[in-house]
Amino acid sequence: MSGTSVDSQGATVVTWTLTQDGAQASGTVTTRAPDPLDGSCNACHRDKSGSFSGTIVGRVLAMDMRFAAGVDGDPTPLWSAIMTGSASSSAADSWSAPTQAPTRARESSSPEPSR
């Protein structure tokens, strides 16, 4: 599943690979800039991989996406991010969410990995 989001840094493509067990959803999430080679700050800072967890209640999915600092291959290894939000479903295979879910990012105390 994938979609796009927009915030003050610009657009990002978000891709989820999820499994569902009852009301629980979990899996991986990646974010990428629409044009990762355009040289912008957005192109670099959007290149993240993380974990996804969520709970489905009725037709609402509460989402929690976490991107750890210092992950191998991360071009911005000093920053972690947490994205939370909710999505609603009007059909079994369709979800929609606000384009500006609350997001927190912070500089981590983790050292930069050796290259």
C-alpha atoms as a PDB file:
ATOM      1  CA  MET A   1       0.000   0.000   0.000  1.00  0.00           C
ATOM      2  CA  SER A   2       1.329   3.457  -0.738  1.00  0.00           C
ATOM      3  CA  GLY A   3       0.254   7.061  -0.800  1.00  0.00           C
ATOM      4  CA  THR A   4       1.569  10.598  -0.705  1.00  0.00           C
ATOM      5  CA  SER A   5       1.792  13.176   2.049  1.00  0.00           C
ATOM      6  CA  VAL A   6       2.700  16.865   2.102  1.00  0.00           C
ATOM      7  CA  ASP A   7       4.160  18.959   4.918  1.00  0.00           C
ATOM      8  CA  SER A   8       6.391  22.024   5.249  1.00  0.00           C
ATOM      9  CA  GLN A   9       9.345  20.165   3.676  1.00  0.00           C
ATOM     10  CA  GLY A  10       7.354  19.175   0.586  1.00  0.00           C
ATOM     11  CA  ALA A  11       5.853  15.963  -0.739  1.00  0.00           C
ATOM     12  CA  THR A  12       6.786  12.428   0.258  1.00  0.00           C
ATOM     13  CA  VAL A  13       5.786   8.992  -0.969  1.00  0.00           C
ATOM     14  CA  VAL A  14       4.898   6.634   1.895  1.00  0.00           C
ATOM     15  CA  THR A  15       4.842   2.859   1.324  1.00  0.00           C
ATOM     16  CA  TRP A  16       3.553   0.337   3.869  1.00  0.00           C
ATOM     17  CA  THR A  17       3.934  -3.444   3.876  1.00  0.00           C
ATOM     18  CA  LEU A  18       1.516  -4.679   6.515  1.00  0.00           C
ATOM     19  CA  THR A  19       0.046  -7.809   8.002  1.00  0.00           C
ATOM     20  CA  GLN A  20      -3.152  -7.922  10.002  1.00  0.00           C
ATOM     21  CA  ASP A  21      -3.951 -10.166  12.959  1.00  0.00           C
ATOM     22  CA  GLY A  22      -7.434  -9.393  14.199  1.00  0.00           C
ATOM     23  CA  ALA A  23      -7.565  -5.701  15.063  1.00  0.00           C
ATOM     24  CA  GLN A  24      -3.743  -5.305  15.011  1.00  0.00           C
ATOM     25  CA  ALA A  25      -1.735  -4.216  11.970  1.00  0.00           C
ATOM     26  CA  SER A  26       2.069  -4.257  11.844  1.00  0.00           C
ATOM     27  CA  GLY A  27       4.878  -4.140   9.337  1.00  0.00           C
ATOM     28  CA  THR A  28       7.378  -1.835   7.706  1.00  0.00           C
ATOM     29  CA  VAL A  29       7.092   1.663   6.292  1.00  0.00           C
ATOM     30  CA  THR A  30       9.367   3.657   3.984  1.00  0.00           C
ATOM     31  CA  THR A  31       9.305   7.286   2.958  1.00  0.00           C
ATOM     32  CA  ARG A  32      10.901   8.643  -0.194  1.00  0.00           C
ATOM     33  CA  ALA A  33      10.834  11.977  -1.989  1.00  0.00           C
ATOM     34  CA  PRO A  34       8.923  11.937  -5.295  1.00  0.00           C
ATOM     35  CA  ASP A  35      12.215  12.818  -7.044  1.00  0.00           C
ATOM     36  CA  PRO A  36      15.080  11.488  -4.862  1.00  0.00           C
ATOM     37  CA  LEU A  37      17.703  12.863  -7.271  1.00  0.00           C
ATOM     38  CA  ASP A  38      16.569  16.508  -7.439  1.00  0.00           C
ATOM     39  CA  GLY A  39      19.231  17.653  -4.936  1.00  0.00           C
ATOM     40  CA  SER A  40      16.744  19.228  -2.531  1.00  0.00           C
ATOM     41  CA  CYS A  41      16.752  18.813   1.254  1.00  0.00           C
ATOM     42  CA  ASN A  42      13.442  16.976   0.857  1.00  0.00           C
ATOM     43  CA  ALA A  43      15.104  14.377  -1.410  1.00  0.00           C
ATOM     44  CA  CYS A  44      17.635  13.470   1.287  1.00  0.00           C
ATOM     45  CA  HIS A  45      15.555  13.798   4.462  1.00  0.00           C
ATOM     46  CA  ARG A  46      12.681  11.688   3.151  1.00  0.00           C
ATOM     47  CA  ASP A  47      14.826   8.587   2.628  1.00  0.00           C
ATOM     48  CA  LYS A  48      13.747   6.682   5.771  1.00  0.00           C
ATOM     49  CA  SER A  49      12.733   3.133   6.687  1.00  0.00           C
ATOM     50  CA  GLY A  50      10.899   2.207   9.851  1.00  0.00           C
ATOM     51  CA  SER A  51       8.259   0.177  11.626  1.00  0.00           C
ATOM     52  CA  PHE A  52       4.475   0.459  11.481  1.00  0.00           C
ATOM     53  CA  SER A  53       1.972  -0.567  14.129  1.00  0.00           C
ATOM     54  CA  GLY A  54      -1.710   0.128  14.289  1.00  0.00           C
ATOM     55  CA  THR A  55      -5.043  -0.822  15.743  1.00  0.00           C
ATOM     56  CA  ILE A  56      -8.294  -1.064  13.809  1.00  0.00           C
ATOM     57  CA  VAL A  57     -11.520  -0.157  15.597  1.00  0.00           C
ATOM     58  CA  GLY A  58     -14.543  -0.265  13.328  1.00  0.00           C
ATOM     59  CA  ARG A  59     -13.533   1.629  10.208  1.00  0.00           C
ATOM     60  CA  VAL A  60     -10.712   3.617  11.846  1.00  0.00           C
ATOM     61  CA  LEU A  61      -7.019   2.671  11.859  1.00  0.00           C
ATOM     62  CA  ALA A  62      -4.869   4.376  14.523  1.00  0.00           C
ATOM     63  CA  MET A  63      -1.291   4.465  13.142  1.00  0.00           C
ATOM     64  CA  ASP A  64       2.141   4.738  14.739  1.00  0.00           C
ATOM     65  CA  MET A  65       5.212   4.873  12.458  1.00  0.00           C
ATOM     66  CA  ARG A  66       8.696   5.014  13.952  1.00  0.00           C
ATOM     67  CA  PHE A  67      11.953   5.777  12.177  1.00  0.00           C
ATOM     68  CA  ALA A  68      15.038   5.127  14.311  1.00  0.00           C
ATOM     69  CA  ALA A  69      18.187   7.248  14.151  1.00  0.00           C
ATOM     70  CA  GLY A  70      21.410   5.741  12.897  1.00  0.00           C
ATOM     71  CA  VAL A  71      19.851   3.086  10.664  1.00  0.00           C
ATOM     72  CA  ASP A  72      22.241   1.688   8.046  1.00  0.00           C
ATOM     73  CA  GLY A  73      21.970   3.597   4.763  1.00  0.00           C
ATOM     74  CA  ASP A  74      20.089   6.533   6.305  1.00  0.00           C
ATOM     75  CA  PRO A  75      21.487   9.795   4.833  1.00  0.00           C
ATOM     76  CA  THR A  76      20.367  11.713   7.955  1.00  0.00           C
ATOM     77  CA  PRO A  77      21.436   9.320  10.744  1.00  0.00           C
ATOM     78  CA  LEU A  78      21.218  11.799  13.631  1.00  0.00           C
ATOM     79  CA  TRP A  79      17.459  12.174  13.384  1.00  0.00           C
ATOM     80  CA  SER A  80      14.687   9.854  14.476  1.00  0.00           C
ATOM     81  CA  ALA A  81      11.040  10.479  13.685  1.00  0.00           C
ATOM     82  CA  ILE A  82       7.664   9.354  14.960  1.00  0.00           C
ATOM     83  CA  MET A  83       4.556   9.799  12.839  1.00  0.00           C
ATOM     84  CA  THR A  84       1.133   9.192  14.336  1.00  0.00           C
ATOM     85  CA  GLY A  85      -2.316   9.608  12.922  1.00  0.00           C
ATOM     86  CA  SER A  86      -5.488   7.852  11.924  1.00  0.00           C
ATOM     87  CA  ALA A  87      -7.112   6.711   8.714  1.00  0.00           C
ATOM     88  CA  SER A  88     -10.706   5.870   7.979  1.00  0.00           C
ATOM     89  CA  SER A  89     -12.144   3.302   5.613  1.00  0.00           C
ATOM     90  CA  SER A  90     -15.235   3.576   3.478  1.00  0.00           C
ATOM     91  CA  ALA A  91     -14.569   0.207   1.803  1.00  0.00           C
ATOM     92  CA  ALA A  92     -12.679  -2.985   2.634  1.00  0.00           C
ATOM     93  CA  ASP A  93      -9.683  -2.066   0.434  1.00  0.00           C
ATOM     94  CA  SER A  94      -9.569   1.724   0.721  1.00  0.00           C
ATOM     95  CA  TRP A  95      -8.164   3.932   3.495  1.00  0.00           C
ATOM     96  CA  SER A  96      -7.819   7.698   3.658  1.00  0.00           C
ATOM     97  CA  ALA A  97      -5.975   9.861   6.148  1.00  0.00           C
ATOM     98  CA  PRO A  98      -5.338  13.574   6.632  1.00  0.00           C
ATOM     99  CA  THR A  99      -2.363  14.699   4.543  1.00  0.00           C
ATOM    100  CA  GLN A 100      -0.737  16.330   7.550  1.00  0.00           C
ATOM    101  CA  ALA A 101      -0.692  13.756  10.331  1.00  0.00           C
ATOM    102  CA  PRO A 102       1.039  14.946  13.529  1.00  0.00           C
ATOM    103  CA  THR A 103       4.766  14.313  13.281  1.00  0.00           C
ATOM    104  CA  ARG A 104       7.622  14.556  15.761  1.00  0.00           C
ATOM    105  CA  ALA A 105      11.285  14.464  14.856  1.00  0.00           C
ATOM    106  CA  ARG A 106      14.218  14.761  17.190  1.00  0.00           C
ATOM    107  CA  GLU A 107      17.971  14.602  17.091  1.00  0.00           C
ATOM    108  CA  SER A 108      19.117  11.345  18.608  1.00  0.00           C
ATOM    109  CA  SER A 109      22.009  10.901  20.964  1.00  0.00           C
ATOM    110  CA  SER A 110      23.049   7.860  18.917  1.00  0.00           C
ATOM    111  CA  PRO A 111      26.451   8.260  17.307  1.00  0.00           C
ATOM    112  CA  GLU A 112      26.657   8.300  13.540  1.00  0.00           C
ATOM    113  CA  PRO A 113      27.400   4.782  12.254  1.00  0.00           C
ATOM    114  CA  SER A 114      30.843   4.149  10.789  1.00  0.00           C
ATOM    115  CA  ARG A 115      31.061   4.178   7.041  1.00  0.00           C
END
